[in-house]
PDB file of N, CA and C in Angstrom:
ATOM      1  N   MET A   1      81.955 102.563 133.468  1.00  0.00           N
ATOM      2  CA  MET A   1      82.266 101.851 131.904  1.00  0.00           C
ATOM      3  C   MET A   1      82.072 103.290 130.894  1.00  0.00           C
ATOM      4  N   ASP A   2      83.133 103.070 129.685  1.00  0.00           N
ATOM      5  CA  ASP A   2      83.122 104.119 128.671  1.00  0.00           C
ATOM      6  C   ASP A   2      81.732 103.955 127.972  1.00  0.00           C
ATOM      7  N   GLN A   3      81.885 104.891 126.932  1.00  0.00           N
ATOM      8  CA  GLN A   3      80.514 104.711 125.776  1.00  0.00           C
ATOM      9  C   GLN A   3      80.746 103.699 125.038  1.00  0.00           C
ATOM     10  N   ASP A   4      81.745 103.283 124.637  1.00  0.00           N
ATOM     11  CA  ASP A   4      81.901 101.991 123.966  1.00  0.00           C
ATOM     12  C   ASP A   4      81.607 100.690 124.349  1.00  0.00           C
ATOM     13  N   GLU A   5      81.720 100.616 125.808  1.00  0.00           N
ATOM     14  CA  GLU A   5      81.571  99.952 126.326  1.00  0.00           C
ATOM     15  C   GLU A   5      80.000  99.883 126.489  1.00  0.00           C
ATOM     16  N   LYS A   6      79.494 100.386 126.626  1.00  0.00           N
ATOM     17  CA  LYS A   6      77.988 100.868 126.765  1.00  0.00           C
ATOM     18  C   LYS A   6      77.055 100.557 125.455  1.00  0.00           C
ATOM     19  N   LYS A   7      77.590 101.283 124.351  1.00  0.00           N
ATOM     20  CA  LYS A   7      77.111 100.720 123.541  1.00  0.00           C
ATOM     21  C   LYS A   7      77.235  99.214 122.859  1.00  0.00           C
ATOM     22  N   ASN A   8      78.343  98.734 123.261  1.00  0.00           N
ATOM     23  CA  ASN A   8      78.466  97.230 122.947  1.00  0.00           C
ATOM     24  C   ASN A   8      77.677  96.283 123.559  1.00  0.00           C
ATOM     25  N   THR A   9      77.329  96.678 125.081  1.00  0.00           N
ATOM     26  CA  THR A   9      76.545  95.988 125.714  1.00  0.00           C
ATOM     27  C   THR A   9      75.048  96.179 125.318  1.00  0.00           C
ATOM     28  N   ARG A  10      74.358  97.487 124.778  1.00  0.00           N
ATOM     29  CA  ARG A  10      73.009  97.596 124.191  1.00  0.00           C
ATOM     30  C   ARG A  10      73.127  96.388 122.947  1.00  0.00           C
ATOM     31  N   MET A  11      74.056  96.535 122.363  1.00  0.00           N
ATOM     32  CA  MET A  11      73.727  95.832 120.904  1.00  0.00           C
ATOM     33  C   MET A  11      74.032  94.055 121.441  1.00  0.00           C
ATOM     34  N   GLU A  12      74.114  93.848 122.641  1.00  0.00           N
ATOM     35  CA  GLU A  12      74.459  92.439 122.922  1.00  0.00           C
ATOM     36  C   GLU A  12      72.911  91.430 122.882  1.00  0.00           C
ATOM     37  N   LYS A  13      72.695  90.574 122.131  1.00  0.00           N
ATOM     38  CA  LYS A  13      71.289  89.489 122.300  1.00  0.00           C
ATOM     39  C   LYS A  13      71.096  88.974 123.515  1.00  0.00           C
ATOM     40  N   PRO A  14      69.823  89.097 123.988  1.00  0.00           N
ATOM     41  CA  PRO A  14      69.871  87.964 124.943  1.00  0.00           C
ATOM     42  C   PRO A  14      70.494  86.816 124.913  1.00  0.00           C
ATOM     43  N   ASN A  15      70.641  86.339 126.656  1.00  0.00           N
ATOM     44  CA  ASN A  15      71.227  85.154 126.348  1.00  0.00           C
ATOM     45  C   ASN A  15      70.705  83.861 125.780  1.00  0.00           C
ATOM     46  N   SER A  16      69.504  84.047 125.744  1.00  0.00           N
ATOM     47  CA  SER A  16      68.487  82.573 125.074  1.00  0.00           C
ATOM     48  C   SER A  16      69.085  82.746 123.428  1.00  0.00           C
ATOM     49  N   GLU A  17      69.434  83.469 122.948  1.00  0.00           N
ATOM     50  CA  GLU A  17      69.551  83.787 121.799  1.00  0.00           C
ATOM     51  C   GLU A  17      71.251  83.544 121.462  1.00  0.00           C
ATOM     52  N   MET A  18      71.848  83.786 122.499  1.00  0.00           N
ATOM     53  CA  MET A  18      73.255  83.819 122.455  1.00  0.00           C
ATOM     54  C   MET A  18      73.619  82.204 122.319  1.00  0.00           C
ATOM     55  N   SER A  19      72.741  81.545 123.338  1.00  0.00           N
ATOM     56  CA  SER A  19      72.831  80.240 123.378  1.00  0.00           C
ATOM     57  C   SER A  19      72.817  79.546 122.100  1.00  0.00           C
ATOM     58  N   GLU A  20      72.227  79.832 121.303  1.00  0.00           N
ATOM     59  CA  GLU A  20      71.738  79.418 119.966  1.00  0.00           C
ATOM     60  C   GLU A  20      73.118  78.976 119.054  1.00  0.00           C
ATOM     61  N   LEU A  21      74.113  80.094 119.562  1.00  0.00           N
ATOM     62  CA  LEU A  21      75.438  80.042 118.600  1.00  0.00           C
ATOM     63  C   LEU A  21      76.291  79.306 119.125  1.00  0.00           C
ATOM     64  N   ASN A  22      77.197  78.444 118.078  1.00  0.00           N
ATOM     65  CA  ASN A  22      78.302  77.837 118.929  1.00  0.00           C
ATOM     66  C   ASN A  22      79.255  78.489 119.176  1.00  0.00           C
ATOM     67  N   GLN A  23      80.306  77.898 119.813  1.00  0.00           N
ATOM     68  CA  GLN A  23      81.482  78.705 120.162  1.00  0.00           C
ATOM     69  C   GLN A  23      81.868  79.563 119.230  1.00  0.00           C
ATOM     70  N   GLU A  24      82.358  79.083 117.916  1.00  0.00           N
ATOM     71  CA  GLU A  24      82.976  79.978 116.902  1.00  0.00           C
ATOM     72  C   GLU A  24      82.172  81.213 116.598  1.00  0.00           C
ATOM     73  N   GLU A  25      81.030  81.232 116.495  1.00  0.00           N
ATOM     74  CA  GLU A  25      80.210  82.014 116.114  1.00  0.00           C
ATOM     75  C   GLU A  25      79.978  83.147 117.288  1.00  0.00           C
ATOM     76  N   ARG A  26      79.986  82.685 118.519  1.00  0.00           N
ATOM     77  CA  ARG A  26      80.165  83.752 119.718  1.00  0.00           C
ATOM     78  C   ARG A  26      81.295  84.139 119.715  1.00  0.00           C
ATOM     79  N   ASN A  27      82.533  83.611 119.259  1.00  0.00           N
ATOM     80  CA  ASN A  27      83.779  84.145 119.106  1.00  0.00           C
ATOM     81  C   ASN A  27      83.689  85.179 117.985  1.00  0.00           C
ATOM     82  N   LEU A  28      83.505  85.068 116.900  1.00  0.00           N
ATOM     83  CA  LEU A  28      83.168  86.183 115.775  1.00  0.00           C
ATOM     84  C   LEU A  28      82.102  87.358 116.198  1.00  0.00           C
ATOM     85  N   LEU A  29      81.185  87.237 116.737  1.00  0.00           N
ATOM     86  CA  LEU A  29      80.202  87.986 117.215  1.00  0.00           C
ATOM     87  C   LEU A  29      81.033  89.019 118.326  1.00  0.00           C
ATOM     88  N   THR A  30      81.789  88.564 118.891  1.00  0.00           N
ATOM     89  CA  THR A  30      82.546  89.150 120.064  1.00  0.00           C
ATOM     90  C   THR A  30      83.411  89.811 119.643  1.00  0.00           C
ATOM     91  N   ARG A  31      84.020  89.488 118.639  1.00  0.00           N
ATOM     92  CA  ARG A  31      85.181  90.213 118.017  1.00  0.00           C
ATOM     93  C   ARG A  31      84.574  91.552 117.088  1.00  0.00           C
ATOM     94  N   TYR A  32      83.377  91.060 116.426  1.00  0.00           N
ATOM     95  CA  TYR A  32      82.745  92.132 115.353  1.00  0.00           C
ATOM     96  C   TYR A  32      82.129  93.302 116.283  1.00  0.00           C
ATOM     97  N   ARG A  33      81.623  93.126 117.652  1.00  0.00           N
ATOM     98  CA  ARG A  33      81.191  93.992 118.419  1.00  0.00           C
ATOM     99  C   ARG A  33      82.332  94.594 118.971  1.00  0.00           C
ATOM    100  N   ALA A  34      83.475  94.113 119.116  1.00  0.00           N
ATOM    101  CA  ALA A  34      84.539  94.825 119.771  1.00  0.00           C
ATOM    102  C   ALA A  34      85.278  96.141 118.659  1.00  0.00           C
ATOM    103  N   MET A  35      85.119  95.648 117.445  1.00  0.00           N
ATOM    104  CA  MET A  35      85.567  96.764 116.334  1.00  0.00           C
ATOM    105  C   MET A  35      84.877  97.850 116.161  1.00  0.00           C
ATOM    106  N   SER A  36      85.800  99.203 115.511  1.00  0.00           N
ATOM    107  CA  SER A  36      85.397 100.111 115.172  1.00  0.00           C
ATOM    108  C   SER A  36      84.179 100.484 114.423  1.00  0.00           C
ATOM    109  N   ASP A  37      83.413 101.485 114.227  1.00  0.00           N
ATOM    110  CA  ASP A  37      82.540 101.768 113.245  1.00  0.00           C
ATOM    111  C   ASP A  37      83.006 101.728 111.679  1.00  0.00           C
ATOM    112  N   GLN A  38      84.305 102.047 111.745  1.00  0.00           N
ATOM    113  CA  GLN A  38      84.752 102.138 110.201  1.00  0.00           C
ATOM    114  C   GLN A  38      85.242 100.561 110.027  1.00  0.00           C
ATOM    115  N   ASP A  39      85.778  99.970 110.866  1.00  0.00           N
ATOM    116  CA  ASP A  39      85.905  98.667 110.547  1.00  0.00           C
ATOM    117  C   ASP A  39      84.513  97.656 110.103  1.00  0.00           C
ATOM    118  N   ARG A  40      83.728  97.743 111.076  1.00  0.00           N
ATOM    119  CA  ARG A  40      82.497  97.418 110.999  1.00  0.00           C
ATOM    120  C   ARG A  40      81.824  97.787 109.257  1.00  0.00           C
ATOM    121  N   GLU A  41      81.982  99.002 109.023  1.00  0.00           N
ATOM    122  CA  GLU A  41      81.406  99.292 107.546  1.00  0.00           C
ATOM    123  C   GLU A  41      82.248  98.695 106.651  1.00  0.00           C
ATOM    124  N   TYR A  42      83.631  98.632 106.705  1.00  0.00           N
ATOM    125  CA  TYR A  42      84.317  97.807 105.813  1.00  0.00           C
ATOM    126  C   TYR A  42      83.786  96.155 105.680  1.00  0.00           C
ATOM    127  N   ILE A  43      83.890  95.660 106.552  1.00  0.00           N
ATOM    128  CA  ILE A  43      83.295  94.062 106.657  1.00  0.00           C
ATOM    129  C   ILE A  43      81.672  94.263 105.735  1.00  0.00           C
ATOM    130  N   GLN A  44      80.910  94.956 106.254  1.00  0.00           N
ATOM    131  CA  GLN A  44      79.773  94.658 105.914  1.00  0.00           C
ATOM    132  C   GLN A  44      79.843  95.295 104.257  1.00  0.00           C
ATOM    133  N   HIS A  45      80.909  96.263 103.577  1.00  0.00           N
ATOM    134  CA  HIS A  45      81.026  96.529 102.580  1.00  0.00           C
ATOM    135  C   HIS A  45      81.287  94.991 101.740  1.00  0.00           C
ATOM    136  N   PHE A  46      82.421  94.737 102.498  1.00  0.00           N
ATOM    137  CA  PHE A  46      83.312  93.220 101.786  1.00  0.00           C
ATOM    138  C   PHE A  46      82.121  92.250 101.369  1.00  0.00           C
ATOM    139  N   VAL A  47      81.165  91.945 102.554  1.00  0.00           N
ATOM    140  CA  VAL A  47      80.004  91.176 102.480  1.00  0.00           C
ATOM    141  C   VAL A  47      79.110  91.637 101.425  1.00  0.00           C
ATOM    142  N   SER A  48      78.754  92.492 101.274  1.00  0.00           N
ATOM    143  CA  SER A  48      78.030  92.983 100.026  1.00  0.00           C
ATOM    144  C   SER A  48      78.230  92.775  98.867  1.00  0.00           C
ATOM    145  N   VAL A  49      79.834  93.137  98.860  1.00  0.00           N
ATOM    146  CA  VAL A  49      80.523  92.687  97.314  1.00  0.00           C
ATOM    147  C   VAL A  49      80.419  91.458  97.134  1.00  0.00           C
ATOM    148  N   LEU A  50      80.863  90.323  97.951  1.00  0.00           N
ATOM    149  CA  LEU A  50      80.830  89.037  97.689  1.00  0.00           C
ATOM    150  C   LEU A  50      79.269  88.615  97.349  1.00  0.00           C
ATOM    151  N   THR A  51      78.409  88.972  98.270  1.00  0.00           N
ATOM    152  CA  THR A  51      77.161  88.522  97.774  1.00  0.00           C
ATOM    153  C   THR A  51      76.511  89.015  96.484  1.00  0.00           C
ATOM    154  N   SER A  52      77.107  90.170  96.112  1.00  0.00           N
ATOM    155  CA  SER A  52      76.419  90.840  94.643  1.00  0.00           C
ATOM    156  C   SER A  52      77.336  89.747  93.634  1.00  0.00           C
ATOM    157  N   ALA A  53      78.386  89.420  93.841  1.00  0.00           N
ATOM    158  CA  ALA A  53      79.314  88.755  93.208  1.00  0.00           C
ATOM    159  C   ALA A  53      78.737  87.179  92.866  1.00  0.00           C
ATOM    160  N   GLY A  54      77.993  86.669  94.059  1.00  0.00           N
ATOM    161  CA  GLY A  54      77.783  85.630  94.157  1.00  0.00           C
ATOM    162  C   GLY A  54      76.430  85.445  93.175  1.00  0.00           C
ATOM    163  N   ALA A  55      75.577  86.518  93.399  1.00  0.00           N
ATOM    164  CA  ALA A  55      74.193  86.810  92.452  1.00  0.00           C
ATOM    165  C   ALA A  55      74.708  86.409  91.112  1.00  0.00           C
ATOM    166  N   GLN A  56      75.553  87.072  90.644  1.00  0.00           N
ATOM    167  CA  GLN A  56      75.904  87.482  89.294  1.00  0.00           C
ATOM    168  C   GLN A  56      76.687  86.095  88.685  1.00  0.00           C
ATOM    169  N   ALA A  57      76.783  85.253  89.563  1.00  0.00           N
ATOM    170  CA  ALA A  57      77.809  83.831  88.965  1.00  0.00           C
ATOM    171  C   ALA A  57      77.119  82.785  88.682  1.00  0.00           C
TER     172      ALA A  57
END
């Protein structure tokens, strides 16, 4: 198992928490975990911008 796989495995939620998610949410979470750190930072920045724009509206 390489370092990325180990890191992604550690970040996973317990199965009981995963069962609370619907299939689409599990798919999105799986894709998010597979992203590079740079891609995750971009997503987090984008969400932050949307959140602050919504607060100003």
